[in-house]
Amino acid sequence: MGWDLIVGQTRHGRGVFATRRYETGDEVETCPTLQVPEDEITGLLSDYVFKSVDDDQVLVLLGYGSLYNHSSKPNLEYVQDDPQTVTFLASRTIEPGDELTIDYGEEWWELRDLQPD
């Protein structure tokens, strides 16, 4: 996994795009993670971390995971069974050339006093 993805330009800056078709439920990428205390993350880095299943911890994702842009109709969902990995699964069919997106969740937008577009 991961070799079927490329980074390209979007209206948000950079994004990740599929180079092959994924069916609903297919594993798109499993990212290894670095777990760190949430209070050690400051500045812009806080835009690129994920909540951990462990309290007061966040995850820095290695791989493409931190580059997935937000969509209110995402084509990926992610699961974290343990702090070592986050797996991204296709939530619907993804065609070659489609940008891969996730839902950042309401809290992400509220903490930044922003509205999703």
N, C-alpha and C. Protein backbone atom coordinates (compact mmCIF):
# COMPACT_ATOMS: atom_id res chain seq x y z
N MET A 1 0.84 -1.18 0.00
CA MET A 1 0.00 0.00 0.00
C MET A 1 0.89 1.25 0.00
N GLY A 2 0.32 2.35 -0.46
CA GLY A 2 1.06 3.60 -0.45
C GLY A 2 1.74 3.91 -1.77
N TRP A 3 2.13 2.87 -2.51
CA TRP A 3 2.78 3.13 -3.80
C TRP A 3 1.75 3.54 -4.83
N ASP A 4 0.48 3.36 -4.51
CA ASP A 4 -0.59 3.71 -5.43
C ASP A 4 -1.13 5.10 -5.16
N LEU A 5 -0.34 5.92 -4.46
CA LEU A 5 -0.74 7.26 -4.09
C LEU A 5 0.33 8.25 -4.54
N ILE A 6 -0.11 9.46 -4.90
CA ILE A 6 0.84 10.51 -5.24
C ILE A 6 0.40 11.81 -4.57
N VAL A 7 1.34 12.69 -4.34
CA VAL A 7 1.06 14.01 -3.79
C VAL A 7 0.98 14.98 -4.95
N GLY A 8 -0.03 15.83 -4.93
CA GLY A 8 -0.21 16.84 -5.97
C GLY A 8 -0.77 18.12 -5.38
N GLN A 9 -0.94 19.11 -6.21
CA GLN A 9 -1.45 20.41 -5.79
C GLN A 9 -2.98 20.42 -5.79
N THR A 10 -3.54 21.10 -4.77
CA THR A 10 -4.98 21.30 -4.67
C THR A 10 -5.22 22.77 -4.34
N ARG A 11 -6.47 23.15 -4.24
CA ARG A 11 -6.77 24.53 -3.84
C ARG A 11 -6.38 24.78 -2.39
N HIS A 12 -6.13 23.71 -1.63
CA HIS A 12 -5.71 23.83 -0.23
C HIS A 12 -4.19 23.76 -0.08
N GLY A 13 -3.48 23.63 -1.16
CA GLY A 13 -2.02 23.45 -1.10
C GLY A 13 -1.67 22.09 -1.68
N ARG A 14 -1.30 21.18 -0.80
CA ARG A 14 -0.98 19.83 -1.27
C ARG A 14 -2.08 18.86 -0.86
N GLY A 15 -2.21 17.80 -1.62
CA GLY A 15 -3.17 16.75 -1.33
C GLY A 15 -2.64 15.43 -1.84
N VAL A 16 -3.35 14.37 -1.53
CA VAL A 16 -2.96 13.02 -1.93
C VAL A 16 -4.00 12.49 -2.91
N PHE A 17 -3.52 11.86 -3.98
CA PHE A 17 -4.39 11.37 -5.04
C PHE A 17 -4.15 9.89 -5.29
N ALA A 18 -5.21 9.20 -5.65
CA ALA A 18 -5.13 7.77 -5.99
C ALA A 18 -4.60 7.62 -7.42
N THR A 19 -3.80 6.59 -7.63
CA THR A 19 -3.36 6.27 -8.99
C THR A 19 -4.00 4.97 -9.47
N ARG A 20 -4.84 4.38 -8.63
CA ARG A 20 -5.58 3.18 -9.02
C ARG A 20 -6.95 3.22 -8.38
N ARG A 21 -7.81 2.32 -8.77
CA ARG A 21 -9.17 2.22 -8.23
C ARG A 21 -9.16 1.50 -6.88
N TYR A 22 -9.96 2.01 -5.94
CA TYR A 22 -10.19 1.36 -4.65
C TYR A 22 -11.69 1.14 -4.50
N GLU A 23 -12.06 -0.04 -4.04
CA GLU A 23 -13.46 -0.34 -3.76
C GLU A 23 -13.75 -0.04 -2.29
N THR A 24 -15.03 0.15 -1.97
CA THR A 24 -15.44 0.39 -0.59
C THR A 24 -14.86 -0.69 0.33
N GLY A 25 -14.21 -0.25 1.40
CA GLY A 25 -13.62 -1.18 2.37
C GLY A 25 -12.17 -1.53 2.11
N ASP A 26 -11.65 -1.20 0.92
CA ASP A 26 -10.24 -1.50 0.62
C ASP A 26 -9.33 -0.69 1.53
N GLU A 27 -8.24 -1.31 1.96
CA GLU A 27 -7.21 -0.59 2.70
C GLU A 27 -6.42 0.27 1.72
N VAL A 28 -6.37 1.56 1.98
CA VAL A 28 -5.64 2.47 1.11
C VAL A 28 -4.24 2.69 1.65
N GLU A 29 -4.12 2.82 2.96
CA GLU A 29 -2.80 3.05 3.56
C GLU A 29 -2.85 2.74 5.05
N THR A 30 -1.78 2.16 5.55
CA THR A 30 -1.58 2.03 7.00
C THR A 30 -0.35 2.83 7.35
N CYS A 31 -0.54 3.83 8.21
CA CYS A 31 0.55 4.73 8.58
C CYS A 31 1.11 4.35 9.95
N PRO A 32 2.42 4.13 10.04
CA PRO A 32 3.02 4.02 11.37
C PRO A 32 2.93 5.39 12.05
N THR A 33 2.96 5.42 13.36
CA THR A 33 2.79 6.68 14.08
C THR A 33 3.87 6.87 15.13
N LEU A 34 4.00 8.13 15.52
CA LEU A 34 4.78 8.51 16.69
C LEU A 34 3.79 9.11 17.68
N GLN A 35 3.66 8.53 18.86
CA GLN A 35 2.75 9.05 19.87
C GLN A 35 3.50 10.00 20.79
N VAL A 36 2.94 11.20 20.98
CA VAL A 36 3.57 12.21 21.82
C VAL A 36 2.49 12.86 22.70
N PRO A 37 2.91 13.42 23.85
CA PRO A 37 1.94 14.13 24.69
C PRO A 37 1.33 15.31 23.94
N GLU A 38 0.03 15.47 24.06
CA GLU A 38 -0.69 16.52 23.34
C GLU A 38 -0.16 17.91 23.66
N ASP A 39 0.25 18.16 24.91
CA ASP A 39 0.71 19.50 25.28
C ASP A 39 2.10 19.84 24.74
N GLU A 40 2.77 18.89 24.09
CA GLU A 40 4.06 19.17 23.46
C GLU A 40 3.92 19.61 22.01
N ILE A 41 2.71 19.57 21.48
CA ILE A 41 2.47 19.96 20.09
C ILE A 41 1.97 21.40 20.07
N THR A 42 2.67 22.26 19.36
CA THR A 42 2.30 23.68 19.30
C THR A 42 2.34 24.17 17.86
N GLY A 43 1.79 25.34 17.64
CA GLY A 43 1.86 25.98 16.33
C GLY A 43 1.14 25.19 15.26
N LEU A 44 1.64 25.34 14.04
CA LEU A 44 1.00 24.70 12.89
C LEU A 44 1.02 23.18 12.95
N LEU A 45 1.97 22.60 13.68
CA LEU A 45 2.02 21.15 13.77
C LEU A 45 0.71 20.58 14.32
N SER A 46 0.00 21.36 15.14
CA SER A 46 -1.26 20.87 15.70
C SER A 46 -2.32 20.61 14.62
N ASP A 47 -2.15 21.20 13.44
CA ASP A 47 -3.08 20.95 12.34
C ASP A 47 -2.87 19.58 11.69
N TYR A 48 -1.78 18.93 12.01
CA TYR A 48 -1.39 17.71 11.30
C TYR A 48 -1.29 16.48 12.19
N VAL A 49 -1.83 16.53 13.38
CA VAL A 49 -1.78 15.37 14.27
C VAL A 49 -3.18 14.81 14.46
N PHE A 50 -3.24 13.57 14.89
CA PHE A 50 -4.49 12.87 15.14
C PHE A 50 -4.58 12.54 16.62
N LYS A 51 -5.79 12.53 17.15
CA LYS A 51 -6.01 12.09 18.53
C LYS A 51 -5.62 10.63 18.64
N SER A 52 -5.04 10.27 19.76
CA SER A 52 -4.68 8.88 20.03
C SER A 52 -5.80 8.21 20.82
N VAL A 53 -5.81 6.88 20.81
CA VAL A 53 -6.73 6.15 21.68
C VAL A 53 -6.29 6.28 23.14
N ASP A 54 -5.05 6.73 23.37
CA ASP A 54 -4.54 6.96 24.72
C ASP A 54 -4.82 8.42 25.10
N ASP A 55 -5.38 8.63 26.29
CA ASP A 55 -5.72 9.97 26.76
C ASP A 55 -4.51 10.90 26.76
N ASP A 56 -4.76 12.17 26.42
CA ASP A 56 -3.76 13.25 26.44
C ASP A 56 -2.57 13.00 25.53
N GLN A 57 -2.76 12.16 24.52
CA GLN A 57 -1.71 11.85 23.56
C GLN A 57 -2.23 12.16 22.16
N VAL A 58 -1.32 12.51 21.27
CA VAL A 58 -1.64 12.68 19.86
C VAL A 58 -0.66 11.86 19.03
N LEU A 59 -1.03 11.68 17.77
CA LEU A 59 -0.21 10.87 16.87
C LEU A 59 0.30 11.71 15.71
N VAL A 60 1.58 11.62 15.46
CA VAL A 60 2.19 12.16 14.25
C VAL A 60 2.24 10.99 13.29
N LEU A 61 1.56 11.12 12.16
CA LEU A 61 1.51 10.02 11.20
C LEU A 61 2.68 10.10 10.24
N LEU A 62 3.27 8.97 9.99
CA LEU A 62 4.31 8.83 8.97
C LEU A 62 3.63 8.25 7.73
N GLY A 63 4.05 8.65 6.59
CA GLY A 63 3.35 8.26 5.37
C GLY A 63 2.54 9.45 4.87
N TYR A 64 1.49 9.16 4.12
CA TYR A 64 0.67 10.21 3.52
C TYR A 64 -0.44 10.73 4.44
N GLY A 65 -0.73 10.03 5.51
CA GLY A 65 -1.90 10.30 6.35
C GLY A 65 -2.09 11.74 6.78
N SER A 66 -1.02 12.43 7.10
CA SER A 66 -1.15 13.81 7.56
C SER A 66 -1.43 14.80 6.42
N LEU A 67 -1.38 14.32 5.19
CA LEU A 67 -1.61 15.20 4.04
C LEU A 67 -3.02 15.12 3.48
N TYR A 68 -3.86 14.23 4.03
CA TYR A 68 -5.22 14.11 3.52
C TYR A 68 -6.02 15.36 3.90
N ASN A 69 -6.64 15.98 2.91
CA ASN A 69 -7.45 17.17 3.14
C ASN A 69 -8.84 16.78 3.62
N HIS A 70 -9.54 17.79 4.18
CA HIS A 70 -10.90 17.61 4.68
C HIS A 70 -11.91 17.64 3.56
N SER A 71 -12.96 16.85 3.73
CA SER A 71 -14.15 16.94 2.91
C SER A 71 -15.35 16.59 3.78
N SER A 72 -16.47 17.28 3.55
CA SER A 72 -17.69 16.92 4.27
C SER A 72 -18.29 15.63 3.69
N LYS A 73 -17.77 15.21 2.52
CA LYS A 73 -18.15 13.94 1.90
C LYS A 73 -16.86 13.16 1.60
N PRO A 74 -16.16 12.73 2.66
CA PRO A 74 -14.85 12.10 2.46
C PRO A 74 -14.96 10.74 1.77
N ASN A 75 -13.86 10.34 1.14
CA ASN A 75 -13.83 9.01 0.54
C ASN A 75 -12.97 8.04 1.34
N LEU A 76 -12.45 8.51 2.48
CA LEU A 76 -11.69 7.65 3.39
C LEU A 76 -12.24 7.75 4.80
N GLU A 77 -12.13 6.67 5.53
CA GLU A 77 -12.33 6.69 6.97
C GLU A 77 -11.07 6.09 7.57
N TYR A 78 -10.83 6.40 8.84
CA TYR A 78 -9.61 5.86 9.45
C TYR A 78 -9.94 5.18 10.76
N VAL A 79 -9.14 4.17 11.06
CA VAL A 79 -9.31 3.41 12.30
C VAL A 79 -7.95 3.31 12.99
N GLN A 80 -8.03 3.34 14.29
CA GLN A 80 -6.83 3.20 15.11
C GLN A 80 -7.13 2.17 16.19
N ASP A 81 -6.56 1.00 16.04
CA ASP A 81 -6.77 -0.05 17.04
C ASP A 81 -5.74 0.04 18.16
N ASP A 82 -4.62 0.67 17.87
CA ASP A 82 -3.56 0.84 18.87
C ASP A 82 -2.78 2.10 18.50
N PRO A 83 -1.92 2.59 19.39
CA PRO A 83 -1.20 3.84 19.09
C PRO A 83 -0.11 3.72 18.03
N GLN A 84 0.19 2.53 17.57
CA GLN A 84 1.30 2.36 16.63
C GLN A 84 0.94 2.58 15.17
N THR A 85 -0.36 2.45 14.82
CA THR A 85 -0.76 2.60 13.42
C THR A 85 -2.14 3.23 13.29
N VAL A 86 -2.35 3.89 12.17
CA VAL A 86 -3.67 4.37 11.76
C VAL A 86 -3.87 3.83 10.34
N THR A 87 -5.02 3.18 10.12
CA THR A 87 -5.32 2.60 8.82
C THR A 87 -6.44 3.38 8.15
N PHE A 88 -6.23 3.71 6.89
CA PHE A 88 -7.22 4.44 6.09
C PHE A 88 -7.88 3.46 5.14
N LEU A 89 -9.23 3.47 5.16
CA LEU A 89 -10.03 2.57 4.34
C LEU A 89 -10.92 3.39 3.41
N ALA A 90 -11.15 2.86 2.22
CA ALA A 90 -12.05 3.53 1.27
C ALA A 90 -13.48 3.43 1.80
N SER A 91 -14.14 4.58 1.96
CA SER A 91 -15.53 4.58 2.42
C SER A 91 -16.52 4.53 1.25
N ARG A 92 -15.99 4.64 0.06
CA ARG A 92 -16.76 4.51 -1.18
C ARG A 92 -15.75 4.24 -2.29
N THR A 93 -16.23 3.98 -3.48
CA THR A 93 -15.33 3.72 -4.61
C THR A 93 -14.50 4.97 -4.90
N ILE A 94 -13.22 4.76 -5.10
CA ILE A 94 -12.26 5.82 -5.43
C ILE A 94 -11.66 5.48 -6.79
N GLU A 95 -11.69 6.44 -7.69
CA GLU A 95 -11.14 6.24 -9.03
C GLU A 95 -9.74 6.84 -9.14
N PRO A 96 -8.93 6.36 -10.08
CA PRO A 96 -7.62 6.98 -10.31
C PRO A 96 -7.78 8.48 -10.56
N GLY A 97 -6.96 9.29 -9.91
CA GLY A 97 -7.03 10.74 -10.05
C GLY A 97 -7.86 11.42 -8.98
N ASP A 98 -8.67 10.66 -8.24
CA ASP A 98 -9.47 11.25 -7.16
C ASP A 98 -8.56 11.68 -6.02
N GLU A 99 -8.86 12.85 -5.45
CA GLU A 99 -8.16 13.25 -4.23
C GLU A 99 -8.70 12.44 -3.06
N LEU A 100 -7.82 12.00 -2.19
CA LEU A 100 -8.21 11.25 -0.99
C LEU A 100 -8.49 12.23 0.13
N THR A 101 -9.65 12.09 0.76
CA THR A 101 -10.07 13.05 1.78
C THR A 101 -10.63 12.34 3.00
N ILE A 102 -10.56 13.05 4.13
CA ILE A 102 -11.12 12.57 5.39
C ILE A 102 -11.98 13.68 5.97
N ASP A 103 -12.77 13.34 6.98
CA ASP A 103 -13.55 14.34 7.71
C ASP A 103 -12.75 14.69 8.96
N TYR A 104 -12.37 15.96 9.10
CA TYR A 104 -11.58 16.39 10.25
C TYR A 104 -12.38 16.38 11.55
N GLY A 105 -13.70 16.39 11.46
CA GLY A 105 -14.54 16.40 12.64
C GLY A 105 -14.81 17.81 13.14
N GLU A 106 -15.94 17.97 13.82
CA GLU A 106 -16.36 19.29 14.27
C GLU A 106 -15.36 19.94 15.21
N GLU A 107 -14.76 19.17 16.11
CA GLU A 107 -13.84 19.73 17.11
C GLU A 107 -12.65 20.43 16.44
N TRP A 108 -12.14 19.86 15.35
CA TRP A 108 -10.99 20.45 14.65
C TRP A 108 -11.33 21.87 14.22
N TRP A 109 -12.52 22.06 13.65
CA TRP A 109 -12.94 23.37 13.15
C TRP A 109 -13.24 24.32 14.31
N GLU A 110 -13.91 23.82 15.36
CA GLU A 110 -14.27 24.66 16.51
C GLU A 110 -13.03 25.19 17.21
N LEU A 111 -12.01 24.35 17.39
CA LEU A 111 -10.79 24.78 18.07
C LEU A 111 -10.07 25.89 17.31
N ARG A 112 -10.29 25.98 16.03
CA ARG A 112 -9.62 26.98 15.19
C ARG A 112 -10.54 28.13 14.82
N ASP A 113 -11.76 28.08 15.33
CA ASP A 113 -12.78 29.09 15.02
C ASP A 113 -12.93 29.27 13.51
N LEU A 114 -13.02 28.13 12.81
CA LEU A 114 -13.17 28.11 11.36
C LEU A 114 -14.42 27.34 10.98
N GLN A 115 -14.85 27.53 9.74
CA GLN A 115 -15.95 26.78 9.18
C GLN A 115 -15.41 25.94 8.03
N PRO A 116 -15.81 24.66 7.94
CA PRO A 116 -15.36 23.85 6.78
C PRO A 116 -15.96 24.41 5.49
N ASP A 117 -15.21 24.27 4.41
CA ASP A 117 -15.73 24.73 3.12
C ASP A 117 -16.18 23.57 2.29
